[in-house]
Amino acid sequence: MSTVQAKQASASCLPELRLLQGPKGARHESGKGEVLIRGASTAGSTRTVSVAVDCMGTDAGPAGVLKGALEAGREGGVSLLAVGDRDQLEHAASREDTSGVTLEIVHAPEVIGMNEGPTAAIRKKRDSSLVQSIMLVREGRAEAVVSGGNTGATMAAATLLLGRLAGVERPAIAVPLPRRDGDTVVLDAGANAECKATHLKQFGIMGSVYAARLLERAEPSVGLLSIGKEEGKGNELTKEAFGLLSDSGVRFVGNVEGRNIFDGTVDVVVCDGFVGNVILKTCEGVAEMLARFIKEELMRTAVSRLGGALARGAFKRLRKRIDYAERGGAPLLGVAGVAIISHGSSSPRAYANAVRVARRFVVCDVNGEIEARLAGSAKTSAEAQV
């Protein structure tokens, strides 16, 4: 595997594009100054999706993010645009196997920190890796973006720069949470702290499409998170949303409680972003606590340590079932593009899965189906009022 020679390539490169390594003979000069590496492998895929990956502002660092993206890239079906500091990404790329990968490095010198105000940050830092990643989607150079940076800034930039799908009032973060037989989609998980009942209705429609297309549920069931299953339970928001969801065209099963997220009762759980984010953060805390408790108890005595060693395979399987890294990231449903939000402390494996999710989102035309379903629901509601 050859090493990236940045100095030799700099004379022929545009400022935002740099040389990447690949298999011998795979180098291609585009004629516009950028140097690309074209891989031939598509791993049986008939559709190659271009994915912009924001490589900065995360705990994994640009090397970790790129490592994960390349893992997905080597499987074929995606072309990658790694966005971030040119020197750091070139160095990271020189240490990785890029054979069979289509990859560009797009230079973005600025980084939006986790604690920066979203709106002000995206306006002041137009050359940040986050903003430039989303601009690649806006300009049509990429079909999807993956970012594990500042979540608020990702949501704001995606909404402002990409706009919303036709009929969408508020985009929502859809998070898959583990259950006995797969995942339950919870939305909104933090994009909208305050919602109207019409927003919850749209969340139900968007979540139903996501569960059908990406989780392969034939007829997803949708529940409204409340303090009891009875129709009259809840606050004014959930009571009004109950009626709207009943006539939304989704398979609405009524109110559900928090425990139903994990027992397989329902495929999609709808709530406002304040409640959804509390659920998400609570799940993270409980998972960390249980992992710590299990480890402490297994190490307590010689007998328990032996039992733990014998059950190591079972623990690995359990970890895989509940690990957020296996799910990759959460889509921001409702924006006029594909934006996958990864956890800030995601591992390379999580970023690889996020790229895979982005590709499936595009190939399955989730956005097209959302627009169609929203238009159909709006037409039905209008006809009912006549």
Protein backbone atom coordinates (compact mmCIF):
# COMPACT_ATOMS: atom_id res chain seq x y z
CA MET A 1 0.00 0.00 0.00
CA SER A 2 1.54 3.29 -1.11
CA THR A 3 1.78 6.38 1.08
CA VAL A 4 0.04 9.66 0.36
CA GLN A 5 2.58 12.16 -0.85
CA ALA A 6 0.92 15.46 -0.09
CA LYS A 7 3.79 17.70 -1.14
CA GLN A 8 4.13 16.11 -4.56
CA ALA A 9 0.41 16.41 -5.20
CA SER A 10 -0.11 19.94 -3.94
CA ALA A 11 0.91 21.62 -7.17
CA SER A 12 -1.82 19.93 -9.17
CA CYS A 13 -4.64 20.08 -6.58
CA LEU A 14 -7.41 22.55 -6.00
CA PRO A 15 -7.36 24.05 -2.49
CA GLU A 16 -10.27 21.93 -1.26
CA LEU A 17 -9.29 18.62 -2.84
CA ARG A 18 -6.31 16.45 -2.17
CA LEU A 19 -4.59 13.25 -3.21
CA LEU A 20 -5.79 9.96 -1.83
CA GLN A 21 -4.21 6.56 -2.10
CA GLY A 22 -5.56 3.48 -3.75
CA PRO A 23 -4.49 0.39 -5.60
CA LYS A 24 -1.73 0.64 -8.20
CA GLY A 25 -2.91 2.04 -11.49
CA ALA A 26 -6.13 3.39 -10.02
CA ARG A 27 -5.10 7.05 -10.00
CA HIS A 28 -7.20 9.35 -12.12
CA GLU A 29 -6.64 12.98 -12.99
CA SER A 30 -9.99 14.70 -13.36
CA GLY A 31 -8.70 17.60 -15.42
CA LYS A 32 -10.00 20.12 -12.88
CA GLY A 33 -7.01 19.92 -10.59
CA GLU A 34 -8.32 17.41 -8.06
CA VAL A 35 -6.75 13.98 -7.78
CA LEU A 36 -9.21 11.15 -7.15
CA ILE A 37 -8.85 7.48 -6.49
CA ARG A 38 -11.37 5.34 -8.29
CA GLY A 39 -12.08 1.84 -7.08
CA ALA A 40 -13.79 -0.72 -9.25
CA SER A 41 -15.49 -2.78 -6.55
CA THR A 42 -19.21 -2.28 -5.96
CA ALA A 43 -19.72 -5.44 -3.87
CA GLY A 44 -22.63 -6.54 -6.02
CA SER A 45 -24.38 -3.17 -5.80
CA THR A 46 -26.18 -1.62 -8.76
CA ARG A 47 -26.40 1.81 -7.16
CA THR A 48 -23.47 3.87 -5.96
CA VAL A 49 -24.37 6.60 -3.49
CA SER A 50 -22.09 9.56 -2.78
CA VAL A 51 -21.81 10.27 0.96
CA ALA A 52 -20.19 13.32 2.53
CA VAL A 53 -18.65 12.50 5.92
CA ASP A 54 -17.94 15.26 8.43
CA CYS A 55 -14.68 14.04 9.94
CA MET A 56 -14.09 16.76 12.55
CA GLY A 57 -15.43 17.75 15.96
CA THR A 58 -15.91 14.23 17.37
CA ASP A 59 -14.32 12.14 20.10
CA ALA A 60 -13.04 9.66 17.49
CA GLY A 61 -11.06 12.38 15.72
CA PRO A 62 -10.66 12.56 11.95
CA ALA A 63 -8.66 9.31 11.88
CA GLY A 64 -11.41 7.35 13.63
CA VAL A 65 -14.19 8.77 11.49
CA LEU A 66 -12.27 8.13 8.27
CA LYS A 67 -11.41 4.60 9.38
CA GLY A 68 -15.11 3.80 9.80
CA ALA A 69 -16.12 5.45 6.54
CA LEU A 70 -13.48 3.48 4.64
CA GLU A 71 -14.75 0.24 6.17
CA ALA A 72 -18.12 0.91 4.55
CA GLY A 73 -16.45 2.16 1.38
CA ARG A 74 -14.52 -1.07 0.87
CA GLU A 75 -17.84 -2.94 0.68
CA GLY A 76 -18.78 -0.96 -2.42
CA GLY A 77 -21.94 0.91 -3.23
CA VAL A 78 -20.70 4.25 -1.89
CA SER A 79 -18.29 6.96 -2.94
CA LEU A 80 -16.91 8.99 -0.05
CA LEU A 81 -16.21 12.67 0.38
CA ALA A 82 -14.21 13.06 3.60
CA VAL A 83 -14.57 16.64 4.83
CA GLY A 84 -12.18 18.25 7.29
CA ASP A 85 -8.63 19.43 7.81
CA ARG A 86 -6.65 18.42 4.74
CA ASP A 87 -3.37 17.56 6.48
CA GLN A 88 -4.99 15.48 9.20
CA LEU A 89 -7.13 13.54 6.74
CA GLU A 90 -4.22 12.92 4.36
CA HIS A 91 -2.20 11.58 7.25
CA ALA A 92 -5.08 9.36 8.38
CA ALA A 93 -5.67 8.10 4.82
CA SER A 94 -2.00 7.15 4.47
CA ARG A 95 -2.43 4.70 7.35
CA GLU A 96 -5.55 3.01 5.98
CA ASP A 97 -6.32 0.53 3.22
CA THR A 98 -8.11 2.56 0.55
CA SER A 99 -8.06 -0.13 -2.12
CA GLY A 100 -11.37 -0.46 -3.93
CA VAL A 101 -12.63 2.84 -2.49
CA THR A 102 -13.76 5.96 -4.32
CA LEU A 103 -12.65 8.80 -2.09
CA GLU A 104 -12.14 12.54 -2.16
CA ILE A 105 -10.84 14.75 0.62
CA VAL A 106 -12.56 18.12 0.79
CA HIS A 107 -10.61 20.66 2.79
CA ALA A 108 -12.56 22.47 5.51
CA PRO A 109 -10.27 24.25 7.99
CA GLU A 110 -12.84 25.24 10.64
CA VAL A 111 -14.55 23.14 13.29
CA ILE A 112 -17.83 23.82 15.11
CA GLY A 113 -17.36 22.87 18.75
CA MET A 114 -19.87 20.86 20.76
CA ASN A 115 -20.67 23.82 23.02
CA GLU A 116 -21.13 26.48 20.34
CA GLY A 117 -24.52 27.98 19.65
CA PRO A 118 -25.88 26.25 16.51
CA THR A 119 -27.25 29.19 14.50
CA ALA A 120 -24.39 31.58 15.23
CA ALA A 121 -21.79 28.88 14.57
CA ILE A 122 -23.04 27.89 11.12
CA ARG A 123 -23.24 31.56 10.07
CA LYS A 124 -19.78 32.47 11.34
CA LYS A 125 -18.01 29.27 10.33
CA ARG A 126 -19.00 28.77 6.71
CA ASP A 127 -15.74 26.87 6.13
CA SER A 128 -16.40 24.40 8.92
CA SER A 129 -16.43 20.70 8.11
CA LEU A 130 -20.09 20.46 9.12
CA VAL A 131 -21.32 23.30 6.91
CA GLN A 132 -19.17 22.22 3.97
CA SER A 133 -20.42 18.62 4.26
CA ILE A 134 -24.03 19.77 4.03
CA MET A 135 -23.19 22.18 1.21
CA LEU A 136 -21.93 19.21 -0.80
CA VAL A 137 -25.44 17.76 -0.58
CA ARG A 138 -27.01 21.10 -1.46
CA GLU A 139 -24.76 21.45 -4.51
CA GLY A 140 -25.49 17.90 -5.65
CA ARG A 141 -21.96 16.59 -5.21
CA ALA A 142 -23.15 14.28 -2.43
CA GLU A 143 -26.47 12.53 -1.92
CA ALA A 144 -26.18 12.17 1.85
CA VAL A 145 -24.22 13.54 4.78
CA VAL A 146 -23.03 11.85 7.97
CA SER A 147 -21.96 13.92 10.97
CA GLY A 148 -21.13 13.16 14.58
CA GLY A 149 -20.43 16.77 15.46
CA ASN A 150 -22.60 19.36 17.24
CA THR A 151 -26.13 17.93 16.94
CA GLY A 152 -27.88 21.27 17.20
CA ALA A 153 -25.67 22.75 14.51
CA THR A 154 -26.23 19.71 12.28
CA MET A 155 -29.99 20.09 12.58
CA ALA A 156 -29.87 23.85 12.01
CA ALA A 157 -27.49 23.64 9.04
CA ALA A 158 -29.43 20.81 7.39
CA THR A 159 -32.72 22.67 7.79
CA LEU A 160 -31.39 26.06 6.66
CA LEU A 161 -29.17 24.88 3.82
CA LEU A 162 -31.22 21.94 2.48
CA GLY A 163 -34.71 23.12 3.33
CA ARG A 164 -37.65 20.86 4.15
CA LEU A 165 -39.46 18.26 2.12
CA ALA A 166 -42.78 19.35 0.61
CA GLY A 167 -45.44 19.30 3.30
CA VAL A 168 -43.07 18.97 6.26
CA GLU A 169 -43.54 21.52 9.03
CA ARG A 170 -40.79 20.31 11.37
CA PRO A 171 -37.95 17.83 10.72
CA ALA A 172 -37.49 15.20 13.43
CA ILE A 173 -34.69 12.96 14.65
CA ALA A 174 -35.64 9.28 14.39
CA VAL A 175 -33.73 7.01 16.78
CA PRO A 176 -33.90 3.20 16.57
CA LEU A 177 -33.90 1.67 20.06
CA PRO A 178 -33.42 -2.07 20.70
CA ARG A 179 -36.29 -4.39 21.49
CA ARG A 180 -36.71 -8.16 21.64
CA ASP A 181 -37.13 -8.67 17.89
CA GLY A 182 -35.27 -5.76 16.35
CA ASP A 183 -35.69 -2.03 16.85
CA THR A 184 -38.42 0.47 17.71
CA VAL A 185 -38.21 3.89 16.08
CA VAL A 186 -38.65 6.82 18.48
CA LEU A 187 -39.20 10.32 17.14
CA ASP A 188 -38.70 13.14 17.77
CA ALA A 189 -35.51 12.52 19.77
CA GLY A 190 -34.48 16.12 20.23
CA ALA A 191 -35.00 18.35 17.20
CA ASN A 192 -38.14 20.06 18.56
CA ALA A 193 -38.51 20.69 22.28
CA GLU A 194 -41.97 22.16 21.73
CA CYS A 195 -44.44 20.70 19.24
CA LYS A 196 -47.96 21.10 17.96
CA ALA A 197 -50.30 18.17 17.43
CA THR A 198 -49.91 18.52 13.65
CA HIS A 199 -46.16 18.01 14.08
CA LEU A 200 -46.73 14.76 15.98
CA LYS A 201 -49.04 13.58 13.20
CA GLN A 202 -46.30 14.19 10.65
CA PHE A 203 -43.76 12.46 12.87
CA GLY A 204 -46.01 9.41 12.84
CA ILE A 205 -46.18 9.41 9.04
CA MET A 206 -42.43 9.95 8.59
CA GLY A 207 -41.59 7.32 11.20
CA SER A 208 -43.91 4.83 9.54
CA VAL A 209 -42.12 5.30 6.20
CA TYR A 210 -38.71 4.94 7.86
CA ALA A 211 -39.73 1.72 9.63
CA ALA A 212 -41.21 0.28 6.45
CA ARG A 213 -38.31 1.15 4.15
CA LEU A 214 -35.25 0.72 6.39
CA LEU A 215 -36.44 -1.67 9.10
CA GLU A 216 -38.48 -3.65 6.56
CA ARG A 217 -41.72 -3.69 8.58
CA ALA A 218 -44.55 -4.61 6.23
CA GLU A 219 -47.18 -2.45 7.93
CA PRO A 220 -45.55 -0.53 10.78
CA SER A 221 -47.64 0.12 13.87
CA VAL A 222 -47.49 3.64 15.30
CA GLY A 223 -48.09 4.53 18.95
CA LEU A 224 -48.35 7.88 20.73
CA LEU A 225 -46.27 8.09 23.90
CA SER A 226 -48.42 9.02 26.89
CA ILE A 227 -48.89 8.33 30.59
CA GLY A 228 -51.45 5.60 29.96
CA LYS A 229 -52.91 3.56 27.13
CA GLU A 230 -56.45 4.87 27.45
CA GLU A 231 -57.50 7.41 24.82
CA GLY A 232 -58.22 10.17 27.32
CA LYS A 233 -54.82 9.96 29.06
CA GLY A 234 -52.15 12.58 28.58
CA ASN A 235 -51.91 16.35 28.22
CA GLU A 236 -53.67 18.59 25.71
CA LEU A 237 -50.96 17.99 23.11
CA THR A 238 -51.26 14.19 23.17
CA LYS A 239 -55.05 14.29 23.30
CA GLU A 240 -55.24 16.42 20.16
CA ALA A 241 -52.51 14.42 18.44
CA PHE A 242 -54.41 11.21 19.17
CA GLY A 243 -57.29 12.34 16.96
CA LEU A 244 -55.00 13.52 14.17
CA LEU A 245 -52.98 10.30 14.13
CA SER A 246 -56.19 8.28 14.03
CA ASP A 247 -56.99 9.86 10.66
CA SER A 248 -53.42 10.09 9.32
CA GLY A 249 -53.39 6.95 7.19
CA VAL A 250 -50.81 5.14 9.35
CA ARG A 251 -51.60 2.01 11.37
CA PHE A 252 -52.17 3.91 14.58
CA VAL A 253 -52.62 1.67 17.63
CA GLY A 254 -53.31 4.42 20.15
CA ASN A 255 -51.42 5.51 23.22
CA VAL A 256 -48.40 3.56 24.44
CA GLU A 257 -46.29 3.80 27.58
CA GLY A 258 -42.53 4.06 27.92
CA ARG A 259 -42.08 0.35 28.59
CA ASN A 260 -43.73 -0.47 25.26
CA ILE A 261 -40.73 0.97 23.42
CA PHE A 262 -38.77 -2.14 24.33
CA ASP A 263 -41.37 -4.94 24.40
CA GLY A 264 -42.21 -5.10 20.70
CA THR A 265 -45.74 -3.76 21.12
CA VAL A 266 -45.26 -1.07 18.50
CA ASP A 267 -42.85 -0.25 15.65
CA VAL A 268 -42.89 3.54 15.88
CA VAL A 269 -43.29 5.69 19.00
CA VAL A 270 -44.20 9.36 18.54
CA CYS A 271 -43.43 12.10 21.07
CA ASP A 272 -42.15 15.67 21.20
CA GLY A 273 -38.41 16.29 21.09
CA PHE A 274 -38.11 17.18 24.76
CA VAL A 275 -39.56 13.86 25.91
CA GLY A 276 -37.77 11.91 23.19
CA ASN A 277 -34.36 13.30 24.11
CA VAL A 278 -34.93 12.54 27.80
CA ILE A 279 -35.79 8.95 26.83
CA LEU A 280 -32.65 8.67 24.69
CA LYS A 281 -30.30 10.04 27.36
CA THR A 282 -31.97 7.91 30.05
CA CYS A 283 -31.42 4.79 27.94
CA GLU A 284 -27.75 5.66 27.52
CA GLY A 285 -27.36 6.11 31.26
CA VAL A 286 -29.16 2.89 32.15
CA ALA A 287 -27.09 0.91 29.62
CA GLU A 288 -23.84 2.27 31.06
CA MET A 289 -24.98 1.54 34.61
CA LEU A 290 -26.01 -2.04 33.83
CA ALA A 291 -22.73 -2.71 32.03
CA ARG A 292 -20.81 -1.44 35.02
CA PHE A 293 -22.91 -3.48 37.49
CA ILE A 294 -22.49 -6.68 35.45
CA LYS A 295 -18.73 -6.22 35.25
CA GLU A 296 -18.45 -5.55 38.99
CA GLU A 297 -20.46 -8.65 39.89
CA LEU A 298 -18.59 -10.89 37.47
CA MET A 299 -15.27 -9.81 38.97
CA ARG A 300 -16.41 -10.17 42.59
CA THR A 301 -15.37 -13.81 43.19
CA ALA A 302 -13.30 -16.51 41.50
CA VAL A 303 -16.44 -18.49 40.72
CA SER A 304 -18.18 -15.50 39.11
CA ARG A 305 -15.07 -14.72 37.09
CA LEU A 306 -15.05 -18.28 35.78
CA GLY A 307 -18.74 -18.04 34.95
CA GLY A 308 -18.11 -14.78 33.14
CA ALA A 309 -15.35 -16.36 31.08
CA LEU A 310 -17.63 -19.24 30.11
CA ALA A 311 -20.41 -16.81 29.17
CA ARG A 312 -18.17 -14.43 27.22
CA GLY A 313 -19.80 -15.31 23.90
CA ALA A 314 -23.26 -14.60 25.28
CA PHE A 315 -22.13 -11.22 26.62
CA LYS A 316 -20.67 -10.30 23.23
CA ARG A 317 -23.96 -11.14 21.54
CA LEU A 318 -25.87 -9.12 24.15
CA ARG A 319 -23.60 -6.14 23.65
CA LYS A 320 -24.11 -6.27 19.92
CA ARG A 321 -27.90 -6.27 20.34
CA ILE A 322 -27.94 -3.14 22.51
CA ASP A 323 -24.90 -1.24 21.20
CA TYR A 324 -25.84 2.03 19.46
CA ALA A 325 -22.76 1.56 17.25
CA GLU A 326 -24.60 -1.25 15.47
CA ARG A 327 -27.29 1.22 14.38
CA GLY A 328 -24.84 3.82 13.13
CA GLY A 329 -26.83 6.99 13.41
CA ALA A 330 -30.21 8.66 13.49
CA PRO A 331 -31.69 10.25 10.37
CA LEU A 332 -33.05 13.77 10.46
CA LEU A 333 -36.37 13.04 8.79
CA GLY A 334 -38.09 15.80 6.85
CA VAL A 335 -35.16 17.72 5.37
CA ALA A 336 -34.77 17.90 1.61
CA GLY A 337 -31.71 15.70 1.62
CA VAL A 338 -30.32 12.83 3.64
CA ALA A 339 -28.65 13.75 6.95
CA ILE A 340 -27.52 11.05 9.38
CA ILE A 341 -26.61 12.20 12.89
CA SER A 342 -24.08 10.04 14.73
CA HIS A 343 -23.25 10.09 18.43
CA GLY A 344 -20.34 12.38 19.26
CA SER A 345 -18.45 9.52 20.89
CA SER A 346 -19.12 7.03 18.11
CA SER A 347 -16.52 4.39 17.27
CA PRO A 348 -15.20 3.71 13.77
CA ARG A 349 -17.68 0.81 13.54
CA ALA A 350 -20.53 3.21 14.29
CA TYR A 351 -19.41 5.54 11.49
CA ALA A 352 -19.19 2.61 9.10
CA ASN A 353 -22.78 1.72 9.95
CA ALA A 354 -23.84 5.36 9.62
CA VAL A 355 -22.51 5.42 6.05
CA ARG A 356 -24.39 2.18 5.35
CA VAL A 357 -27.60 3.71 6.75
CA ALA A 358 -27.10 6.81 4.58
CA ARG A 359 -26.74 4.66 1.48
CA ARG A 360 -29.87 2.62 2.24
CA PHE A 361 -31.82 5.80 2.94
CA VAL A 362 -31.00 7.08 -0.54
CA VAL A 363 -31.48 3.77 -2.36
CA CYS A 364 -34.83 3.15 -0.65
CA ASP A 365 -36.02 6.66 -1.58
CA VAL A 366 -37.30 7.35 1.91
CA ASN A 367 -37.73 11.06 1.20
CA GLY A 368 -39.79 10.44 -1.92
CA GLU A 369 -42.14 8.16 -0.01
CA ILE A 370 -42.44 10.65 2.87
CA GLU A 371 -43.52 13.39 0.47
CA ALA A 372 -46.04 11.08 -1.19
CA ARG A 373 -47.51 9.96 2.14
CA LEU A 374 -47.76 13.49 3.49
CA ALA A 375 -49.47 14.68 0.31
CA GLY A 376 -51.93 11.79 0.50
CA SER A 377 -52.70 12.49 4.15
CA ALA A 378 -53.22 16.20 3.47
CA LYS A 379 -55.58 15.41 0.60
CA THR A 380 -57.60 13.02 2.75
CA SER A 381 -57.89 15.60 5.53
CA ALA A 382 -58.99 18.28 3.07
CA GLU A 383 -61.64 16.02 1.56
CA ALA A 384 -62.94 15.15 5.03
CA GLN A 385 -63.51 18.82 5.79
CA VAL A 386 -65.59 19.41 2.65
